[in-house]
Amino acid sequence: MTEIPLSHPIYNNMYPFPEGLPKIHEHNGLAPKALGYFHERKLILLFTQESDLGDGWEDANVHNDPKDIRLKALKMGANIIKYAFEN
């Protein structure tokens, strides 16, 4: 797997994430990373480290994440889905 560059569409095709993958859930204090497998220049597998987007998608009472964090998770998810359907 290779780190996904900040210029990749998953970071800017609908909602801008100029610094890359948002930090959604604190694990061990490391920066979040998005890694992936590419086939013919298309991202075919996305793997995230130090950012659990699913935590932000769950009911607000599950992890007690603030609204702004949950919104980042939802927006990043929208970017990923848009990329998957359009590329």
PDB file of N, CA and C in Angstrom:
ATOM      1  N   MET A   1       0.836  -1.178   0.000  1.00  0.00           N
ATOM      2  CA  MET A   1       0.000   0.000   0.000  1.00  0.00           C
ATOM      3  C   MET A   1       0.879   1.240   0.000  1.00  0.00           C
ATOM      4  N   THR A   2       0.358   2.280  -0.607  1.00  0.00           N
ATOM      5  CA  THR A   2       1.076   3.544  -0.629  1.00  0.00           C
ATOM      6  C   THR A   2       0.208   4.635  -0.017  1.00  0.00           C
ATOM      7  N   GLU A   3       0.869   5.643   0.529  1.00  0.00           N
ATOM      8  CA  GLU A   3       0.121   6.758   1.107  1.00  0.00           C
ATOM      9  C   GLU A   3      -0.559   7.535  -0.021  1.00  0.00           C
ATOM     10  N   ILE A   4      -1.792   7.909   0.208  1.00  0.00           N
ATOM     11  CA  ILE A   4      -2.561   8.627  -0.795  1.00  0.00           C
ATOM     12  C   ILE A   4      -2.159  10.101  -0.757  1.00  0.00           C
ATOM     13  N   PRO A   5      -1.726  10.651  -1.897  1.00  0.00           N
ATOM     14  CA  PRO A   5      -1.256  12.042  -1.909  1.00  0.00           C
ATOM     15  C   PRO A   5      -2.393  13.036  -1.664  1.00  0.00           C
ATOM     16  N   LEU A   6      -2.042  14.186  -1.109  1.00  0.00           N
ATOM     17  CA  LEU A   6      -3.034  15.222  -0.812  1.00  0.00           C
ATOM     18  C   LEU A   6      -3.730  15.743  -2.062  1.00  0.00           C
ATOM     19  N   SER A   7      -3.155  15.526  -3.215  1.00  0.00           N
ATOM     20  CA  SER A   7      -3.759  15.968  -4.470  1.00  0.00           C
ATOM     21  C   SER A   7      -4.848  15.011  -4.973  1.00  0.00           C
ATOM     22  N   HIS A   8      -5.018  13.881  -4.309  1.00  0.00           N
ATOM     23  CA  HIS A   8      -5.988  12.883  -4.766  1.00  0.00           C
ATOM     24  C   HIS A   8      -7.422  13.398  -4.593  1.00  0.00           C
ATOM     25  N   PRO A   9      -8.333  13.032  -5.520  1.00  0.00           N
ATOM     26  CA  PRO A   9      -9.717  13.504  -5.456  1.00  0.00           C
ATOM     27  C   PRO A   9     -10.476  13.177  -4.167  1.00  0.00           C
ATOM     28  N   ILE A  10     -10.101  12.123  -3.447  1.00  0.00           N
ATOM     29  CA  ILE A  10     -10.868  11.846  -2.220  1.00  0.00           C
ATOM     30  C   ILE A  10     -10.729  12.965  -1.199  1.00  0.00           C
ATOM     31  N   TYR A  11      -9.716  13.792  -1.366  1.00  0.00           N
ATOM     32  CA  TYR A  11      -9.525  14.916  -0.440  1.00  0.00           C
ATOM     33  C   TYR A  11     -10.145  16.215  -0.936  1.00  0.00           C
ATOM     34  N   ASN A  12     -10.646  16.238  -2.153  1.00  0.00           N
ATOM     35  CA  ASN A  12     -11.137  17.527  -2.648  1.00  0.00           C
ATOM     36  C   ASN A  12     -12.209  17.445  -3.722  1.00  0.00           C
ATOM     37  N   ASN A  13     -12.861  16.306  -3.925  1.00  0.00           N
ATOM     38  CA  ASN A  13     -13.835  16.224  -5.011  1.00  0.00           C
ATOM     39  C   ASN A  13     -15.194  16.816  -4.661  1.00  0.00           C
ATOM     40  N   MET A  14     -15.514  16.971  -3.405  1.00  0.00           N
ATOM     41  CA  MET A  14     -16.761  17.592  -2.991  1.00  0.00           C
ATOM     42  C   MET A  14     -16.494  18.548  -1.828  1.00  0.00           C
ATOM     43  N   TYR A  15     -15.842  18.028  -0.814  1.00  0.00           N
ATOM     44  CA  TYR A  15     -15.485  18.820   0.364  1.00  0.00           C
ATOM     45  C   TYR A  15     -13.963  18.868   0.466  1.00  0.00           C
ATOM     46  N   PRO A  16     -13.396  20.036   0.708  1.00  0.00           N
ATOM     47  CA  PRO A  16     -11.935  20.135   0.759  1.00  0.00           C
ATOM     48  C   PRO A  16     -11.352  19.647   2.089  1.00  0.00           C
ATOM     49  N   PHE A  17     -10.341  18.821   1.981  1.00  0.00           N
ATOM     50  CA  PHE A  17      -9.536  18.365   3.114  1.00  0.00           C
ATOM     51  C   PHE A  17      -8.070  18.591   2.729  1.00  0.00           C
ATOM     52  N   PRO A  18      -7.619  19.851   2.738  1.00  0.00           N
ATOM     53  CA  PRO A  18      -6.269  20.168   2.260  1.00  0.00           C
ATOM     54  C   PRO A  18      -5.150  19.527   3.073  1.00  0.00           C
ATOM     55  N   GLU A  19      -5.446  19.125   4.293  1.00  0.00           N
ATOM     56  CA  GLU A  19      -4.436  18.482   5.138  1.00  0.00           C
ATOM     57  C   GLU A  19      -4.577  16.971   5.138  1.00  0.00           C
ATOM     58  N   GLY A  20      -5.483  16.450   4.314  1.00  0.00           N
ATOM     59  CA  GLY A  20      -5.657  15.013   4.220  1.00  0.00           C
ATOM     60  C   GLY A  20      -6.737  14.483   5.138  1.00  0.00           C
ATOM     61  N   LEU A  21      -6.611  13.241   5.473  1.00  0.00           N
ATOM     62  CA  LEU A  21      -7.595  12.523   6.267  1.00  0.00           C
ATOM     63  C   LEU A  21      -7.826  13.211   7.612  1.00  0.00           C
ATOM     64  N   PRO A  22      -9.075  13.476   7.974  1.00  0.00           N
ATOM     65  CA  PRO A  22      -9.332  14.119   9.265  1.00  0.00           C
ATOM     66  C   PRO A  22      -9.160  13.143  10.432  1.00  0.00           C
ATOM     67  N   LYS A  23      -8.780  13.675  11.565  1.00  0.00           N
ATOM     68  CA  LYS A  23      -8.650  12.875  12.787  1.00  0.00           C
ATOM     69  C   LYS A  23     -10.044  12.771  13.399  1.00  0.00           C
ATOM     70  N   ILE A  24     -10.605  11.580  13.424  1.00  0.00           N
ATOM     71  CA  ILE A  24     -11.966  11.403  13.919  1.00  0.00           C
ATOM     72  C   ILE A  24     -11.980  10.823  15.319  1.00  0.00           C
ATOM     73  N   HIS A  25     -11.151   9.874  15.575  1.00  0.00           N
ATOM     74  CA  HIS A  25     -11.160   9.234  16.893  1.00  0.00           C
ATOM     75  C   HIS A  25      -9.719   9.105  17.375  1.00  0.00           C
ATOM     76  N   GLU A  26      -9.473   9.492  18.584  1.00  0.00           N
ATOM     77  CA  GLU A  26      -8.114   9.449  19.132  1.00  0.00           C
ATOM     78  C   GLU A  26      -7.738   8.015  19.471  1.00  0.00           C
ATOM     79  N   HIS A  27      -6.627   7.568  18.921  1.00  0.00           N
ATOM     80  CA  HIS A  27      -6.138   6.223  19.218  1.00  0.00           C
ATOM     81  C   HIS A  27      -4.869   6.329  20.060  1.00  0.00           C
ATOM     82  N   ASN A  28      -3.791   6.751  19.455  1.00  0.00           N
ATOM     83  CA  ASN A  28      -2.545   6.842  20.222  1.00  0.00           C
ATOM     84  C   ASN A  28      -1.786   8.134  19.940  1.00  0.00           C
ATOM     85  N   GLY A  29      -2.480   9.159  19.457  1.00  0.00           N
ATOM     86  CA  GLY A  29      -1.850  10.459  19.268  1.00  0.00           C
ATOM     87  C   GLY A  29      -1.093  10.650  17.968  1.00  0.00           C
ATOM     88  N   LEU A  30      -1.039   9.636  17.124  1.00  0.00           N
ATOM     89  CA  LEU A  30      -0.341   9.773  15.849  1.00  0.00           C
ATOM     90  C   LEU A  30      -1.245  10.460  14.824  1.00  0.00           C
ATOM     91  N   ALA A  31      -0.634  11.016  13.802  1.00  0.00           N
ATOM     92  CA  ALA A  31      -1.388  11.677  12.738  1.00  0.00           C
ATOM     93  C   ALA A  31      -2.151  10.645  11.906  1.00  0.00           C
ATOM     94  N   PRO A  32      -3.330  11.003  11.420  1.00  0.00           N
ATOM     95  CA  PRO A  32      -4.073  10.075  10.570  1.00  0.00           C
ATOM     96  C   PRO A  32      -3.409   9.918   9.211  1.00  0.00           C
ATOM     97  N   LYS A  33      -3.554   8.737   8.632  1.00  0.00           N
ATOM     98  CA  LYS A  33      -2.989   8.447   7.312  1.00  0.00           C
ATOM     99  C   LYS A  33      -4.024   7.691   6.494  1.00  0.00           C
ATOM    100  N   ALA A  34      -4.021   7.952   5.213  1.00  0.00           N
ATOM    101  CA  ALA A  34      -4.831   7.174   4.274  1.00  0.00           C
ATOM    102  C   ALA A  34      -3.873   6.465   3.329  1.00  0.00           C
ATOM    103  N   LEU A  35      -3.993   5.172   3.266  1.00  0.00           N
ATOM    104  CA  LEU A  35      -3.160   4.338   2.405  1.00  0.00           C
ATOM    105  C   LEU A  35      -4.067   3.632   1.415  1.00  0.00           C
ATOM    106  N   GLY A  36      -3.508   3.246   0.298  1.00  0.00           N
ATOM    107  CA  GLY A  36      -4.346   2.560  -0.664  1.00  0.00           C
ATOM    108  C   GLY A  36      -3.577   1.718  -1.649  1.00  0.00           C
ATOM    109  N   TYR A  37      -4.342   0.872  -2.322  1.00  0.00           N
ATOM    110  CA  TYR A  37      -3.845   0.121  -3.461  1.00  0.00           C
ATOM    111  C   TYR A  37      -4.395   0.795  -4.711  1.00  0.00           C
ATOM    112  N   PHE A  38      -3.541   0.953  -5.703  1.00  0.00           N
ATOM    113  CA  PHE A  38      -3.938   1.553  -6.967  1.00  0.00           C
ATOM    114  C   PHE A  38      -3.789   0.528  -8.077  1.00  0.00           C
ATOM    115  N   HIS A  39      -4.731   0.547  -8.999  1.00  0.00           N
ATOM    116  CA  HIS A  39      -4.668  -0.281 -10.203  1.00  0.00           C
ATOM    117  C   HIS A  39      -4.930   0.642 -11.380  1.00  0.00           C
ATOM    118  N   GLU A  40      -3.959   0.721 -12.279  1.00  0.00           N
ATOM    119  CA  GLU A  40      -4.060   1.623 -13.422  1.00  0.00           C
ATOM    120  C   GLU A  40      -4.438   3.039 -12.978  1.00  0.00           C
ATOM    121  N   ARG A  41      -3.787   3.499 -11.947  1.00  0.00           N
ATOM    122  CA  ARG A  41      -3.916   4.844 -11.379  1.00  0.00           C
ATOM    123  C   ARG A  41      -5.239   5.091 -10.660  1.00  0.00           C
ATOM    124  N   LYS A  42      -6.084   4.075 -10.541  1.00  0.00           N
ATOM    125  CA  LYS A  42      -7.345   4.213  -9.819  1.00  0.00           C
ATOM    126  C   LYS A  42      -7.203   3.585  -8.434  1.00  0.00           C
ATOM    127  N   LEU A  43      -7.656   4.324  -7.432  1.00  0.00           N
ATOM    128  CA  LEU A  43      -7.667   3.815  -6.061  1.00  0.00           C
ATOM    129  C   LEU A  43      -8.714   2.717  -5.971  1.00  0.00           C
ATOM    130  N   ILE A  44      -8.295   1.505  -5.611  1.00  0.00           N
ATOM    131  CA  ILE A  44      -9.234   0.384  -5.534  1.00  0.00           C
ATOM    132  C   ILE A  44      -9.426  -0.124  -4.101  1.00  0.00           C
ATOM    133  N   LEU A  45      -8.557   0.298  -3.193  1.00  0.00           N
ATOM    134  CA  LEU A  45      -8.711  -0.079  -1.794  1.00  0.00           C
ATOM    135  C   LEU A  45      -8.208   1.079  -0.939  1.00  0.00           C
ATOM    136  N   LEU A  46      -8.997   1.467   0.036  1.00  0.00           N
ATOM    137  CA  LEU A  46      -8.634   2.542   0.947  1.00  0.00           C
ATOM    138  C   LEU A  46      -8.500   1.971   2.350  1.00  0.00           C
ATOM    139  N   PHE A  47      -7.395   2.277   2.986  1.00  0.00           N
ATOM    140  CA  PHE A  47      -7.135   1.825   4.357  1.00  0.00           C
ATOM    141  C   PHE A  47      -6.751   3.052   5.164  1.00  0.00           C
ATOM    142  N   THR A  48      -7.416   3.266   6.276  1.00  0.00           N
ATOM    143  CA  THR A  48      -7.105   4.424   7.110  1.00  0.00           C
ATOM    144  C   THR A  48      -6.460   3.981   8.409  1.00  0.00           C
ATOM    145  N   GLN A  49      -5.519   4.792   8.862  1.00  0.00           N
ATOM    146  CA  GLN A  49      -4.856   4.574  10.149  1.00  0.00           C
ATOM    147  C   GLN A  49      -5.047   5.822  10.995  1.00  0.00           C
ATOM    148  N   GLU A  50      -5.272   5.616  12.265  1.00  0.00           N
ATOM    149  CA  GLU A  50      -5.395   6.717  13.227  1.00  0.00           C
ATOM    150  C   GLU A  50      -6.567   7.646  12.924  1.00  0.00           C
ATOM    151  N   SER A  51      -7.545   7.150  12.230  1.00  0.00           N
ATOM    152  CA  SER A  51      -8.771   7.901  11.960  1.00  0.00           C
ATOM    153  C   SER A  51      -9.863   6.885  11.700  1.00  0.00           C
ATOM    154  N   ASP A  52     -10.818   6.804  12.590  1.00  0.00           N
ATOM    155  CA  ASP A  52     -11.904   5.846  12.421  1.00  0.00           C
ATOM    156  C   ASP A  52     -13.140   6.589  11.949  1.00  0.00           C
ATOM    157  N   LEU A  53     -13.276   6.725  10.633  1.00  0.00           N
ATOM    158  CA  LEU A  53     -14.407   7.457  10.068  1.00  0.00           C
ATOM    159  C   LEU A  53     -15.738   6.880  10.538  1.00  0.00           C
ATOM    160  N   GLY A  54     -15.792   5.576  10.695  1.00  0.00           N
ATOM    161  CA  GLY A  54     -17.028   4.923  11.143  1.00  0.00           C
ATOM    162  C   GLY A  54     -17.489   5.415  12.504  1.00  0.00           C
ATOM    163  N   ASP A  55     -16.557   5.796  13.370  1.00  0.00           N
ATOM    164  CA  ASP A  55     -16.950   6.345  14.669  1.00  0.00           C
ATOM    165  C   ASP A  55     -17.775   7.615  14.490  1.00  0.00           C
ATOM    166  N   GLY A  56     -17.411   8.419  13.521  1.00  0.00           N
ATOM    167  CA  GLY A  56     -18.138   9.649  13.265  1.00  0.00           C
ATOM    168  C   GLY A  56     -19.471   9.433  12.575  1.00  0.00           C
ATOM    169  N   TRP A  57     -19.650   8.272  11.962  1.00  0.00           N
ATOM    170  CA  TRP A  57     -20.902   7.973  11.270  1.00  0.00           C
ATOM    171  C   TRP A  57     -21.933   7.353  12.203  1.00  0.00           C
ATOM    172  N   GLU A  58     -21.478   6.829  13.331  1.00  0.00           N
ATOM    173  CA  GLU A  58     -22.403   6.181  14.263  1.00  0.00           C
ATOM    174  C   GLU A  58     -23.262   7.205  15.000  1.00  0.00           C
ATOM    175  N   ASP A  59     -24.232   6.703  15.704  1.00  0.00           N
ATOM    176  CA  ASP A  59     -25.083   7.566  16.516  1.00  0.00           C
ATOM    177  C   ASP A  59     -24.220   8.417  17.442  1.00  0.00           C
ATOM    178  N   ALA A  60     -24.585   9.663  17.617  1.00  0.00           N
ATOM    179  CA  ALA A  60     -23.783  10.602  18.409  1.00  0.00           C
ATOM    180  C   ALA A  60     -23.532  10.115  19.830  1.00  0.00           C
ATOM    181  N   ASN A  61     -24.425   9.328  20.375  1.00  0.00           N
ATOM    182  CA  ASN A  61     -24.279   8.846  21.756  1.00  0.00           C
ATOM    183  C   ASN A  61     -23.263   7.726  21.911  1.00  0.00           C
ATOM    184  N   VAL A  62     -22.863   7.096  20.824  1.00  0.00           N
ATOM    185  CA  VAL A  62     -21.951   5.963  20.911  1.00  0.00           C
ATOM    186  C   VAL A  62     -20.554   6.401  21.347  1.00  0.00           C
ATOM    187  N   HIS A  63     -19.995   7.427  20.698  1.00  0.00           N
ATOM    188  CA  HIS A  63     -18.633   7.869  21.008  1.00  0.00           C
ATOM    189  C   HIS A  63     -18.563   9.269  21.604  1.00  0.00           C
ATOM    190  N   ASN A  64     -19.702   9.950  21.647  1.00  0.00           N
ATOM    191  CA  ASN A  64     -19.762  11.316  22.183  1.00  0.00           C
ATOM    192  C   ASN A  64     -18.812  12.274  21.472  1.00  0.00           C
ATOM    193  N   ASP A  65     -18.613  12.071  20.174  1.00  0.00           N
ATOM    194  CA  ASP A  65     -17.778  12.992  19.401  1.00  0.00           C
ATOM    195  C   ASP A  65     -18.537  14.294  19.194  1.00  0.00           C
ATOM    196  N   PRO A  66     -17.831  15.429  19.217  1.00  0.00           N
ATOM    197  CA  PRO A  66     -18.485  16.708  18.964  1.00  0.00           C
ATOM    198  C   PRO A  66     -19.067  16.768  17.549  1.00  0.00           C
ATOM    199  N   LYS A  67     -20.035  17.639  17.363  1.00  0.00           N
ATOM    200  CA  LYS A  67     -20.717  17.765  16.079  1.00  0.00           C
ATOM    201  C   LYS A  67     -19.747  18.064  14.935  1.00  0.00           C
ATOM    202  N   ASP A  68     -18.750  18.932  15.162  1.00  0.00           N
ATOM    203  CA  ASP A  68     -17.815  19.272  14.087  1.00  0.00           C
ATOM    204  C   ASP A  68     -16.983  18.075  13.650  1.00  0.00           C
ATOM    205  N   ILE A  69     -16.634  17.210  14.584  1.00  0.00           N
ATOM    206  CA  ILE A  69     -15.877  15.994  14.252  1.00  0.00           C
ATOM    207  C   ILE A  69     -16.762  15.039  13.451  1.00  0.00           C
ATOM    208  N   ARG A  70     -17.993  14.882  13.881  1.00  0.00           N
ATOM    209  CA  ARG A  70     -18.927  14.004  13.159  1.00  0.00           C
ATOM    210  C   ARG A  70     -19.157  14.512  11.738  1.00  0.00           C
ATOM    211  N   LEU A  71     -19.261  15.834  11.583  1.00  0.00           N
ATOM    212  CA  LEU A  71     -19.467  16.418  10.264  1.00  0.00           C
ATOM    213  C   LEU A  71     -18.260  16.166   9.353  1.00  0.00           C
ATOM    214  N   LYS A  72     -17.052  16.251   9.897  1.00  0.00           N
ATOM    215  CA  LYS A  72     -15.848  15.936   9.104  1.00  0.00           C
ATOM    216  C   LYS A  72     -15.889  14.490   8.616  1.00  0.00           C
ATOM    217  N   ALA A  73     -16.293  13.586   9.498  1.00  0.00           N
ATOM    218  CA  ALA A  73     -16.360  12.167   9.116  1.00  0.00           C
ATOM    219  C   ALA A  73     -17.376  11.963   7.996  1.00  0.00           C
ATOM    220  N   LEU A  74     -18.523  12.611   8.100  1.00  0.00           N
ATOM    221  CA  LEU A  74     -19.554  12.475   7.074  1.00  0.00           C
ATOM    222  C   LEU A  74     -19.101  13.073   5.746  1.00  0.00           C
ATOM    223  N   LYS A  75     -18.453  14.230   5.791  1.00  0.00           N
ATOM    224  CA  LYS A  75     -17.972  14.866   4.564  1.00  0.00           C
ATOM    225  C   LYS A  75     -16.878  14.038   3.899  1.00  0.00           C
ATOM    226  N   MET A  76     -15.971  13.485   4.703  1.00  0.00           N
ATOM    227  CA  MET A  76     -14.917  12.643   4.130  1.00  0.00           C
ATOM    228  C   MET A  76     -15.547  11.407   3.505  1.00  0.00           C
ATOM    229  N   GLY A  77     -16.541  10.835   4.172  1.00  0.00           N
ATOM    230  CA  GLY A  77     -17.256   9.687   3.613  1.00  0.00           C
ATOM    231  C   GLY A  77     -17.930  10.021   2.292  1.00  0.00           C
ATOM    232  N   ALA A  78     -18.512  11.216   2.191  1.00  0.00           N
ATOM    233  CA  ALA A  78     -19.147  11.648   0.941  1.00  0.00           C
ATOM    234  C   ALA A  78     -18.108  11.749  -0.168  1.00  0.00           C
ATOM    235  N   ASN A  79     -16.925  12.265   0.149  1.00  0.00           N
ATOM    236  CA  ASN A  79     -15.856  12.340  -0.847  1.00  0.00           C
ATOM    237  C   ASN A  79     -15.466  10.951  -1.343  1.00  0.00           C
ATOM    238  N   ILE A  80     -15.351  10.018  -0.423  1.00  0.00           N
ATOM    239  CA  ILE A  80     -14.953   8.648  -0.785  1.00  0.00           C
ATOM    240  C   ILE A  80     -16.013   8.006  -1.676  1.00  0.00           C
ATOM    241  N   ILE A  81     -17.269   8.152  -1.304  1.00  0.00           N
ATOM    242  CA  ILE A  81     -18.364   7.556  -2.085  1.00  0.00           C
ATOM    243  C   ILE A  81     -18.444   8.192  -3.473  1.00  0.00           C
ATOM    244  N   LYS A  82     -18.310   9.506  -3.539  1.00  0.00           N
ATOM    245  CA  LYS A  82     -18.347  10.197  -4.833  1.00  0.00           C
ATOM    246  C   LYS A  82     -17.221   9.693  -5.722  1.00  0.00           C
ATOM    247  N   TYR A  83     -16.037   9.539  -5.159  1.00  0.00           N
ATOM    248  CA  TYR A  83     -14.902   9.018  -5.942  1.00  0.00           C
ATOM    249  C   TYR A  83     -15.227   7.605  -6.446  1.00  0.00           C
ATOM    250  N   ALA A  84     -15.758   6.772  -5.580  1.00  0.00           N
ATOM    251  CA  ALA A  84     -16.035   5.383  -5.956  1.00  0.00           C
ATOM    252  C   ALA A  84     -17.041   5.286  -7.095  1.00  0.00           C
ATOM    253  N   PHE A  85     -18.036   6.149  -7.105  1.00  0.00           N
ATOM    254  CA  PHE A  85     -19.064   6.087  -8.139  1.00  0.00           C
ATOM    255  C   PHE A  85     -18.666   6.781  -9.442  1.00  0.00           C
ATOM    256  N   GLU A  86     -17.745   7.707  -9.370  1.00  0.00           N
ATOM    257  CA  GLU A  86     -17.406   8.481 -10.568  1.00  0.00           C
ATOM    258  C   GLU A  86     -16.101   8.067 -11.239  1.00  0.00           C
ATOM    259  N   ASN A  87     -15.320   7.225 -10.608  1.00  0.00           N
ATOM    260  CA  ASN A  87     -14.018   6.857 -11.186  1.00  0.00           C
ATOM    261  C   ASN A  87     -13.919   5.375 -11.453  1.00  0.00           C
TER     262      ASN A  87
END
